[in-house]
């Protein structure tokens, strides 16, 4: 677990993010249902990324809620967003994104959090991406930035 802790970055907005190298971690901590989801990925690389990212998520969450990774239970909202089922504990919000060689995990106690990994060379209309990923208040602040600042603020790199 110490390897994962070293990747934490806490922001002044009250959430933490974890950039985790996508190396095989196995799925010993997965319940049968999650193993079936992983097995449903036909491409070996996609299946491996799913396993690594979801195992890392369980390891990071166990550090916050002090429940073993194998005992964590997840449900989905009516919109399909996953959430941890934590009886008798304050809610914890998380977001998971995984790409070719990294997964990014965002954790928040006070409200929703969202993270996304995109290729740095991504081209296209940055405005449509901003509309899709930013809340209304975030989008209003983003629109007030110069075009150069808009791009760099939306596509931060680690």
N, C-alpha and C. Protein backbone atom coordinates (compact mmCIF):
# COMPACT_ATOMS: atom_id res chain seq x y z
N UNK A 1 0.82 -1.20 0.00
CA UNK A 1 0.00 0.00 0.00
C UNK A 1 0.86 1.26 0.00
N UNK A 2 2.06 1.20 0.53
CA UNK A 2 2.88 2.41 0.57
C UNK A 2 3.17 2.94 -0.82
N UNK A 3 3.25 2.06 -1.83
CA UNK A 3 3.48 2.52 -3.20
C UNK A 3 2.33 3.38 -3.68
N UNK A 4 1.11 3.02 -3.32
CA UNK A 4 -0.03 3.80 -3.75
C UNK A 4 -0.09 5.13 -3.00
N UNK A 5 0.23 5.13 -1.72
CA UNK A 5 0.18 6.37 -0.95
C UNK A 5 1.14 7.41 -1.51
N UNK A 6 2.26 6.97 -2.02
CA UNK A 6 3.23 7.93 -2.53
C UNK A 6 2.71 8.66 -3.77
N UNK A 7 1.67 8.14 -4.40
CA UNK A 7 1.13 8.79 -5.59
C UNK A 7 0.02 9.76 -5.30
N UNK A 8 -0.31 9.97 -4.03
CA UNK A 8 -1.45 10.83 -3.70
C UNK A 8 -1.10 12.30 -3.84
N UNK A 9 -2.06 13.05 -4.33
CA UNK A 9 -1.93 14.50 -4.40
C UNK A 9 -3.23 15.09 -3.88
N UNK A 10 -3.16 15.90 -2.85
CA UNK A 10 -4.37 16.50 -2.29
C UNK A 10 -4.49 17.92 -2.81
N UNK A 11 -5.66 18.26 -3.30
CA UNK A 11 -5.91 19.59 -3.84
C UNK A 11 -6.59 20.45 -2.78
N UNK A 12 -6.53 21.75 -2.95
CA UNK A 12 -7.17 22.66 -2.00
C UNK A 12 -8.69 22.54 -2.06
N UNK A 13 -9.21 21.91 -3.11
CA UNK A 13 -10.66 21.77 -3.23
C UNK A 13 -11.19 20.61 -2.40
N UNK A 14 -10.33 19.89 -1.67
CA UNK A 14 -10.79 18.88 -0.74
C UNK A 14 -10.87 17.48 -1.29
N UNK A 15 -10.17 17.19 -2.36
CA UNK A 15 -10.15 15.82 -2.87
C UNK A 15 -8.73 15.41 -3.16
N UNK A 16 -8.51 14.11 -3.24
CA UNK A 16 -7.18 13.57 -3.51
C UNK A 16 -7.21 12.80 -4.81
N UNK A 17 -6.09 12.83 -5.51
CA UNK A 17 -6.00 12.03 -6.73
C UNK A 17 -4.79 11.11 -6.61
N UNK A 18 -4.89 9.98 -7.25
CA UNK A 18 -3.84 8.97 -7.22
C UNK A 18 -3.53 8.57 -8.65
N UNK A 19 -2.29 8.72 -9.10
CA UNK A 19 -1.86 8.23 -10.40
C UNK A 19 -1.11 6.94 -10.13
N UNK A 20 -1.62 5.86 -10.68
CA UNK A 20 -1.10 4.53 -10.37
C UNK A 20 -0.56 3.89 -11.64
N UNK A 21 0.68 3.39 -11.61
CA UNK A 21 1.19 2.68 -12.79
C UNK A 21 0.32 1.46 -13.06
N UNK A 22 -0.04 1.24 -14.30
CA UNK A 22 -0.91 0.11 -14.66
C UNK A 22 -0.07 -1.15 -14.84
N UNK A 23 0.30 -1.76 -13.72
CA UNK A 23 1.05 -3.01 -13.75
C UNK A 23 0.16 -4.09 -13.15
N UNK A 24 0.31 -5.33 -13.58
CA UNK A 24 -0.58 -6.39 -13.10
C UNK A 24 -0.58 -6.51 -11.58
N UNK A 25 -1.76 -6.44 -11.00
CA UNK A 25 -1.90 -6.55 -9.55
C UNK A 25 -2.73 -7.78 -9.19
N UNK A 26 -3.27 -8.46 -10.19
CA UNK A 26 -4.11 -9.62 -9.93
C UNK A 26 -5.48 -9.18 -9.48
N UNK A 27 -6.36 -10.14 -9.34
CA UNK A 27 -7.72 -9.80 -8.91
C UNK A 27 -8.13 -10.66 -7.72
N UNK A 28 -7.19 -10.90 -6.81
CA UNK A 28 -7.49 -11.69 -5.61
C UNK A 28 -8.58 -11.02 -4.78
N UNK A 29 -8.67 -9.69 -4.85
CA UNK A 29 -9.63 -8.97 -4.02
C UNK A 29 -10.99 -8.80 -4.71
N UNK A 30 -11.19 -9.40 -5.86
CA UNK A 30 -12.44 -9.23 -6.60
C UNK A 30 -13.48 -10.27 -6.20
N UNK A 31 -14.72 -9.84 -6.01
CA UNK A 31 -15.81 -10.81 -5.86
C UNK A 31 -16.12 -11.42 -7.23
N UNK A 32 -16.89 -12.50 -7.24
CA UNK A 32 -17.18 -13.21 -8.49
C UNK A 32 -17.80 -12.30 -9.55
N UNK A 33 -18.70 -11.40 -9.15
CA UNK A 33 -19.36 -10.52 -10.14
C UNK A 33 -18.35 -9.65 -10.86
N UNK A 34 -17.37 -9.15 -10.13
CA UNK A 34 -16.36 -8.29 -10.76
C UNK A 34 -15.41 -9.09 -11.64
N UNK A 35 -15.15 -10.32 -11.25
CA UNK A 35 -14.33 -11.20 -12.10
C UNK A 35 -15.04 -11.46 -13.42
N UNK A 36 -16.38 -11.59 -13.38
CA UNK A 36 -17.14 -11.82 -14.60
C UNK A 36 -17.08 -10.60 -15.52
N UNK A 37 -17.14 -9.40 -14.95
CA UNK A 37 -17.03 -8.19 -15.76
C UNK A 37 -15.67 -8.15 -16.43
N UNK A 38 -14.62 -8.45 -15.66
CA UNK A 38 -13.26 -8.46 -16.24
C UNK A 38 -13.16 -9.50 -17.35
N UNK A 39 -13.72 -10.67 -17.14
CA UNK A 39 -13.66 -11.73 -18.14
C UNK A 39 -14.44 -11.36 -19.40
N UNK A 40 -15.40 -10.44 -19.27
CA UNK A 40 -16.19 -10.01 -20.42
C UNK A 40 -15.42 -9.16 -21.41
N UNK A 41 -14.26 -8.65 -21.00
CA UNK A 41 -13.42 -7.89 -21.92
C UNK A 41 -12.66 -8.90 -22.79
N UNK A 42 -13.00 -8.95 -24.04
CA UNK A 42 -12.41 -9.95 -24.93
C UNK A 42 -10.94 -9.69 -25.24
N UNK A 43 -10.58 -8.44 -25.37
CA UNK A 43 -9.18 -8.11 -25.68
C UNK A 43 -8.35 -8.22 -24.39
N UNK A 44 -7.23 -8.93 -24.48
CA UNK A 44 -6.38 -9.15 -23.30
C UNK A 44 -5.95 -7.85 -22.65
N UNK A 45 -5.54 -6.86 -23.46
CA UNK A 45 -5.05 -5.59 -22.91
C UNK A 45 -6.16 -4.85 -22.16
N UNK A 46 -7.36 -4.83 -22.71
CA UNK A 46 -8.49 -4.16 -22.03
C UNK A 46 -8.83 -4.87 -20.73
N UNK A 47 -8.80 -6.18 -20.74
CA UNK A 47 -9.08 -6.96 -19.54
C UNK A 47 -8.01 -6.66 -18.48
N UNK A 48 -6.74 -6.63 -18.88
CA UNK A 48 -5.66 -6.34 -17.95
C UNK A 48 -5.82 -4.94 -17.35
N UNK A 49 -6.12 -3.94 -18.19
CA UNK A 49 -6.31 -2.58 -17.68
C UNK A 49 -7.47 -2.51 -16.70
N UNK A 50 -8.56 -3.21 -17.00
CA UNK A 50 -9.71 -3.23 -16.10
C UNK A 50 -9.30 -3.80 -14.74
N UNK A 51 -8.61 -4.93 -14.74
CA UNK A 51 -8.20 -5.60 -13.50
C UNK A 51 -7.27 -4.71 -12.70
N UNK A 52 -6.26 -4.16 -13.36
CA UNK A 52 -5.28 -3.32 -12.66
C UNK A 52 -5.97 -2.10 -12.05
N UNK A 53 -6.79 -1.41 -12.83
CA UNK A 53 -7.43 -0.18 -12.36
C UNK A 53 -8.40 -0.46 -11.21
N UNK A 54 -9.19 -1.50 -11.33
CA UNK A 54 -10.18 -1.79 -10.29
C UNK A 54 -9.53 -2.36 -9.03
N UNK A 55 -8.46 -3.10 -9.18
CA UNK A 55 -7.71 -3.57 -8.00
C UNK A 55 -7.08 -2.38 -7.28
N UNK A 56 -6.51 -1.43 -8.05
CA UNK A 56 -5.92 -0.22 -7.45
C UNK A 56 -6.99 0.60 -6.73
N UNK A 57 -8.16 0.73 -7.34
CA UNK A 57 -9.26 1.46 -6.69
C UNK A 57 -9.60 0.83 -5.35
N UNK A 58 -9.71 -0.48 -5.31
CA UNK A 58 -10.02 -1.16 -4.05
C UNK A 58 -8.93 -0.93 -3.01
N UNK A 59 -7.67 -0.95 -3.44
CA UNK A 59 -6.57 -0.74 -2.51
C UNK A 59 -6.57 0.69 -1.96
N UNK A 60 -6.83 1.67 -2.81
CA UNK A 60 -6.88 3.06 -2.36
C UNK A 60 -8.06 3.26 -1.42
N UNK A 61 -9.23 2.75 -1.79
CA UNK A 61 -10.41 2.92 -0.94
C UNK A 61 -10.24 2.26 0.42
N UNK A 62 -9.59 1.11 0.46
CA UNK A 62 -9.42 0.45 1.76
C UNK A 62 -8.60 1.30 2.72
N UNK A 63 -7.68 2.12 2.19
CA UNK A 63 -6.89 3.02 3.04
C UNK A 63 -7.76 4.12 3.64
N UNK A 64 -8.83 4.51 2.95
CA UNK A 64 -9.72 5.56 3.43
C UNK A 64 -10.78 5.05 4.38
N UNK A 65 -11.32 3.87 4.12
CA UNK A 65 -12.48 3.40 4.89
C UNK A 65 -12.13 2.28 5.86
N UNK A 66 -10.90 1.78 5.81
CA UNK A 66 -10.43 0.73 6.72
C UNK A 66 -11.30 -0.53 6.65
N UNK A 67 -11.67 -0.87 5.43
CA UNK A 67 -12.36 -2.13 5.12
C UNK A 67 -11.47 -2.81 4.09
N UNK A 68 -11.24 -4.11 4.25
CA UNK A 68 -10.34 -4.79 3.31
C UNK A 68 -10.85 -4.66 1.88
N UNK A 69 -9.91 -4.62 0.94
CA UNK A 69 -10.25 -4.47 -0.47
C UNK A 69 -11.25 -5.54 -0.91
N UNK A 70 -11.08 -6.77 -0.43
CA UNK A 70 -11.97 -7.88 -0.82
C UNK A 70 -13.37 -7.71 -0.26
N UNK A 71 -13.53 -6.98 0.85
CA UNK A 71 -14.84 -6.82 1.48
C UNK A 71 -15.60 -5.59 1.03
N UNK A 72 -15.00 -4.75 0.20
CA UNK A 72 -15.71 -3.57 -0.30
C UNK A 72 -16.85 -4.00 -1.22
N UNK A 73 -17.99 -3.33 -1.06
CA UNK A 73 -19.17 -3.62 -1.87
C UNK A 73 -19.53 -2.36 -2.65
N UNK A 74 -19.86 -2.54 -3.91
CA UNK A 74 -20.22 -1.41 -4.76
C UNK A 74 -21.64 -1.57 -5.28
N UNK A 75 -22.28 -0.44 -5.50
CA UNK A 75 -23.59 -0.38 -6.15
C UNK A 75 -23.50 0.73 -7.18
N UNK A 76 -24.53 0.85 -8.01
CA UNK A 76 -24.53 1.94 -9.00
C UNK A 76 -25.75 2.82 -8.80
N UNK A 77 -25.56 4.10 -9.10
CA UNK A 77 -26.68 5.05 -9.02
C UNK A 77 -27.62 4.79 -10.20
N UNK A 78 -28.71 5.49 -10.22
CA UNK A 78 -29.66 5.31 -11.33
C UNK A 78 -29.06 5.76 -12.65
N UNK A 79 -27.96 6.53 -12.60
CA UNK A 79 -27.27 6.97 -13.81
C UNK A 79 -26.09 6.07 -14.16
N UNK A 80 -25.86 5.02 -13.37
CA UNK A 80 -24.79 4.07 -13.65
C UNK A 80 -23.46 4.39 -13.00
N UNK A 81 -23.38 5.47 -12.22
CA UNK A 81 -22.12 5.81 -11.53
C UNK A 81 -21.95 4.88 -10.33
N UNK A 82 -20.77 4.24 -10.24
CA UNK A 82 -20.55 3.35 -9.10
C UNK A 82 -20.34 4.12 -7.80
N UNK A 83 -20.70 3.48 -6.70
CA UNK A 83 -20.47 4.06 -5.37
C UNK A 83 -20.18 2.92 -4.40
N UNK A 84 -19.41 3.23 -3.38
CA UNK A 84 -19.11 2.24 -2.35
C UNK A 84 -20.26 2.20 -1.37
N UNK A 85 -20.68 1.01 -1.00
CA UNK A 85 -21.73 0.82 0.00
C UNK A 85 -21.02 0.70 1.34
N UNK A 86 -21.20 1.71 2.19
CA UNK A 86 -20.48 1.78 3.46
C UNK A 86 -21.45 1.98 4.62
N UNK A 87 -22.07 0.92 5.10
CA UNK A 87 -22.99 1.09 6.23
C UNK A 87 -22.24 1.64 7.45
N UNK A 88 -22.86 2.56 8.14
CA UNK A 88 -22.33 3.17 9.37
C UNK A 88 -21.05 3.98 9.16
N UNK A 89 -20.74 4.34 7.93
CA UNK A 89 -19.58 5.19 7.64
C UNK A 89 -20.03 6.37 6.79
N UNK A 90 -19.36 7.52 6.91
CA UNK A 90 -19.71 8.64 6.02
C UNK A 90 -19.43 8.26 4.57
N UNK A 91 -20.23 8.77 3.65
CA UNK A 91 -20.01 8.42 2.24
C UNK A 91 -18.66 8.90 1.74
N UNK A 92 -18.13 8.15 0.81
CA UNK A 92 -16.89 8.54 0.14
C UNK A 92 -17.18 8.52 -1.36
N UNK A 93 -16.75 9.54 -2.05
CA UNK A 93 -16.99 9.65 -3.48
C UNK A 93 -15.68 9.36 -4.20
N UNK A 94 -15.78 8.71 -5.35
CA UNK A 94 -14.57 8.38 -6.09
C UNK A 94 -14.85 8.41 -7.58
N UNK A 95 -13.77 8.51 -8.32
CA UNK A 95 -13.83 8.46 -9.78
C UNK A 95 -12.60 7.70 -10.25
N UNK A 96 -12.78 6.92 -11.29
CA UNK A 96 -11.70 6.09 -11.81
C UNK A 96 -11.63 6.26 -13.32
N UNK A 97 -10.42 6.46 -13.83
CA UNK A 97 -10.18 6.51 -15.27
C UNK A 97 -8.92 5.71 -15.54
N UNK A 98 -8.91 4.96 -16.62
CA UNK A 98 -7.68 4.24 -16.95
C UNK A 98 -7.39 4.36 -18.43
N UNK A 99 -6.10 4.45 -18.71
CA UNK A 99 -5.62 4.60 -20.08
C UNK A 99 -4.59 3.52 -20.37
N UNK A 100 -3.73 3.80 -21.29
CA UNK A 100 -2.77 2.78 -21.73
C UNK A 100 -1.88 2.26 -20.61
N UNK A 101 -1.19 3.15 -19.92
CA UNK A 101 -0.23 2.71 -18.90
C UNK A 101 -0.48 3.31 -17.53
N UNK A 102 -1.60 3.96 -17.34
CA UNK A 102 -1.88 4.60 -16.06
C UNK A 102 -3.36 4.46 -15.73
N UNK A 103 -3.62 4.52 -14.43
CA UNK A 103 -5.00 4.73 -14.00
C UNK A 103 -4.98 5.89 -13.02
N UNK A 104 -6.06 6.65 -13.01
CA UNK A 104 -6.17 7.83 -12.17
C UNK A 104 -7.40 7.65 -11.30
N UNK A 105 -7.22 7.85 -10.00
CA UNK A 105 -8.30 7.68 -9.04
C UNK A 105 -8.47 8.99 -8.29
N UNK A 106 -9.68 9.49 -8.25
CA UNK A 106 -10.01 10.68 -7.46
C UNK A 106 -10.87 10.26 -6.28
N UNK A 107 -10.58 10.78 -5.09
CA UNK A 107 -11.31 10.46 -3.87
C UNK A 107 -11.76 11.76 -3.21
N UNK A 108 -13.02 11.82 -2.78
CA UNK A 108 -13.53 13.00 -2.07
C UNK A 108 -14.50 12.57 -0.98
N UNK A 109 -14.48 13.27 0.12
CA UNK A 109 -15.41 13.01 1.21
C UNK A 109 -16.63 13.94 1.13
N UNK A 110 -16.43 15.16 0.68
CA UNK A 110 -17.48 16.16 0.78
C UNK A 110 -18.43 16.27 -0.40
N UNK A 111 -18.20 15.55 -1.48
CA UNK A 111 -19.07 15.66 -2.64
C UNK A 111 -18.48 14.94 -3.83
N UNK A 112 -19.13 15.06 -4.95
CA UNK A 112 -18.72 14.35 -6.15
C UNK A 112 -17.33 14.76 -6.61
N UNK A 113 -16.66 13.84 -7.29
CA UNK A 113 -15.36 14.09 -7.88
C UNK A 113 -15.33 13.39 -9.23
N UNK A 114 -14.61 13.95 -10.17
CA UNK A 114 -14.48 13.32 -11.48
C UNK A 114 -13.07 13.47 -12.01
N UNK A 115 -12.52 12.39 -12.53
CA UNK A 115 -11.19 12.42 -13.14
C UNK A 115 -11.28 11.73 -14.50
N UNK A 116 -10.35 12.08 -15.37
CA UNK A 116 -10.33 11.47 -16.70
C UNK A 116 -8.90 11.50 -17.23
N UNK A 117 -8.52 10.44 -17.89
CA UNK A 117 -7.22 10.39 -18.56
C UNK A 117 -7.49 10.47 -20.05
N UNK A 118 -6.83 11.41 -20.69
CA UNK A 118 -6.95 11.59 -22.14
C UNK A 118 -5.54 11.66 -22.72
N UNK A 119 -5.37 11.24 -23.96
CA UNK A 119 -4.05 11.38 -24.60
C UNK A 119 -3.65 12.85 -24.67
N UNK A 120 -2.39 13.15 -24.39
CA UNK A 120 -1.92 14.54 -24.38
C UNK A 120 -1.98 15.16 -25.77
N UNK A 121 -1.90 14.35 -26.80
CA UNK A 121 -1.93 14.89 -28.15
C UNK A 121 -3.35 14.98 -28.71
N UNK A 122 -4.31 14.88 -27.83
CA UNK A 122 -5.71 14.93 -28.26
C UNK A 122 -5.98 16.23 -29.00
N UNK A 123 -6.55 16.09 -30.16
CA UNK A 123 -6.91 17.25 -30.97
C UNK A 123 -8.43 17.38 -30.96
N UNK A 124 -8.91 18.46 -31.49
CA UNK A 124 -10.35 18.61 -31.62
C UNK A 124 -10.85 19.82 -30.84
N UNK A 125 -12.13 19.91 -30.80
CA UNK A 125 -12.81 21.04 -30.19
C UNK A 125 -12.77 20.93 -28.67
N UNK A 126 -11.93 21.72 -28.05
CA UNK A 126 -11.79 21.69 -26.59
C UNK A 126 -13.06 22.20 -25.91
N UNK A 127 -13.82 23.06 -26.59
CA UNK A 127 -15.05 23.60 -25.99
C UNK A 127 -16.08 22.50 -25.75
N UNK A 128 -16.22 21.58 -26.70
CA UNK A 128 -17.20 20.50 -26.51
C UNK A 128 -16.76 19.56 -25.40
N UNK A 129 -15.44 19.36 -25.27
CA UNK A 129 -14.96 18.54 -24.16
C UNK A 129 -15.26 19.23 -22.83
N UNK A 130 -15.05 20.53 -22.75
CA UNK A 130 -15.31 21.27 -21.51
C UNK A 130 -16.77 21.17 -21.12
N UNK A 131 -17.67 21.31 -22.08
CA UNK A 131 -19.10 21.20 -21.79
C UNK A 131 -19.43 19.81 -21.25
N UNK A 132 -18.78 18.79 -21.79
CA UNK A 132 -19.07 17.41 -21.39
C UNK A 132 -18.54 17.07 -20.00
N UNK A 133 -17.43 17.67 -19.58
CA UNK A 133 -16.78 17.21 -18.35
C UNK A 133 -16.85 18.18 -17.18
N UNK A 134 -17.18 19.44 -17.42
CA UNK A 134 -17.19 20.43 -16.33
C UNK A 134 -18.61 20.69 -15.83
N UNK A 135 -18.72 20.98 -14.54
CA UNK A 135 -20.01 21.39 -13.99
C UNK A 135 -20.32 22.79 -14.53
N UNK A 136 -21.54 23.27 -14.29
CA UNK A 136 -21.90 24.61 -14.79
C UNK A 136 -20.99 25.70 -14.22
N UNK A 137 -20.72 25.64 -12.92
CA UNK A 137 -19.88 26.68 -12.31
C UNK A 137 -18.43 26.56 -12.80
N UNK A 138 -17.92 25.33 -12.95
CA UNK A 138 -16.57 25.14 -13.48
C UNK A 138 -16.48 25.66 -14.92
N UNK A 139 -17.52 25.38 -15.70
CA UNK A 139 -17.52 25.82 -17.10
C UNK A 139 -17.53 27.35 -17.19
N UNK A 140 -18.28 28.01 -16.31
CA UNK A 140 -18.32 29.47 -16.32
C UNK A 140 -16.93 30.04 -16.01
N UNK A 141 -16.24 29.47 -15.02
CA UNK A 141 -14.88 29.94 -14.70
C UNK A 141 -13.93 29.64 -15.85
N UNK A 142 -14.09 28.50 -16.48
CA UNK A 142 -13.23 28.09 -17.60
C UNK A 142 -13.39 29.04 -18.79
N UNK A 143 -14.64 29.42 -19.09
CA UNK A 143 -14.89 30.33 -20.22
C UNK A 143 -14.23 31.69 -20.04
N UNK A 144 -14.01 32.09 -18.78
CA UNK A 144 -13.40 33.40 -18.51
C UNK A 144 -11.89 33.39 -18.75
N UNK A 145 -11.28 32.24 -18.96
CA UNK A 145 -9.84 32.13 -19.19
C UNK A 145 -9.49 32.44 -20.65
N UNK A 146 -8.23 32.77 -20.88
CA UNK A 146 -7.75 32.94 -22.26
C UNK A 146 -7.75 31.58 -22.95
N UNK A 147 -7.77 31.52 -24.28
CA UNK A 147 -7.77 30.24 -24.99
C UNK A 147 -6.60 29.33 -24.59
N UNK A 148 -5.42 29.89 -24.42
CA UNK A 148 -4.27 29.09 -24.03
C UNK A 148 -4.46 28.52 -22.62
N UNK A 149 -4.93 29.36 -21.71
CA UNK A 149 -5.18 28.91 -20.33
C UNK A 149 -6.32 27.89 -20.29
N UNK A 150 -7.31 28.04 -21.16
CA UNK A 150 -8.40 27.07 -21.21
C UNK A 150 -7.85 25.67 -21.51
N UNK A 151 -7.03 25.59 -22.56
CA UNK A 151 -6.49 24.29 -22.98
C UNK A 151 -5.65 23.67 -21.86
N UNK A 152 -4.74 24.45 -21.27
CA UNK A 152 -3.86 23.89 -20.25
C UNK A 152 -4.62 23.55 -18.97
N UNK A 153 -5.64 24.30 -18.63
CA UNK A 153 -6.39 24.01 -17.41
C UNK A 153 -7.26 22.76 -17.58
N UNK A 154 -7.71 22.50 -18.79
CA UNK A 154 -8.55 21.34 -19.02
C UNK A 154 -7.72 20.07 -19.23
N UNK A 155 -6.56 20.23 -19.84
CA UNK A 155 -5.70 19.07 -20.13
C UNK A 155 -4.44 19.12 -19.28
N UNK A 156 -4.59 19.03 -17.97
CA UNK A 156 -3.43 19.02 -17.07
C UNK A 156 -2.67 17.73 -17.25
N UNK A 157 -1.36 17.79 -17.07
CA UNK A 157 -0.55 16.60 -17.24
C UNK A 157 0.17 16.26 -15.94
N UNK A 158 0.47 15.00 -15.79
CA UNK A 158 1.22 14.52 -14.62
C UNK A 158 2.53 13.93 -15.10
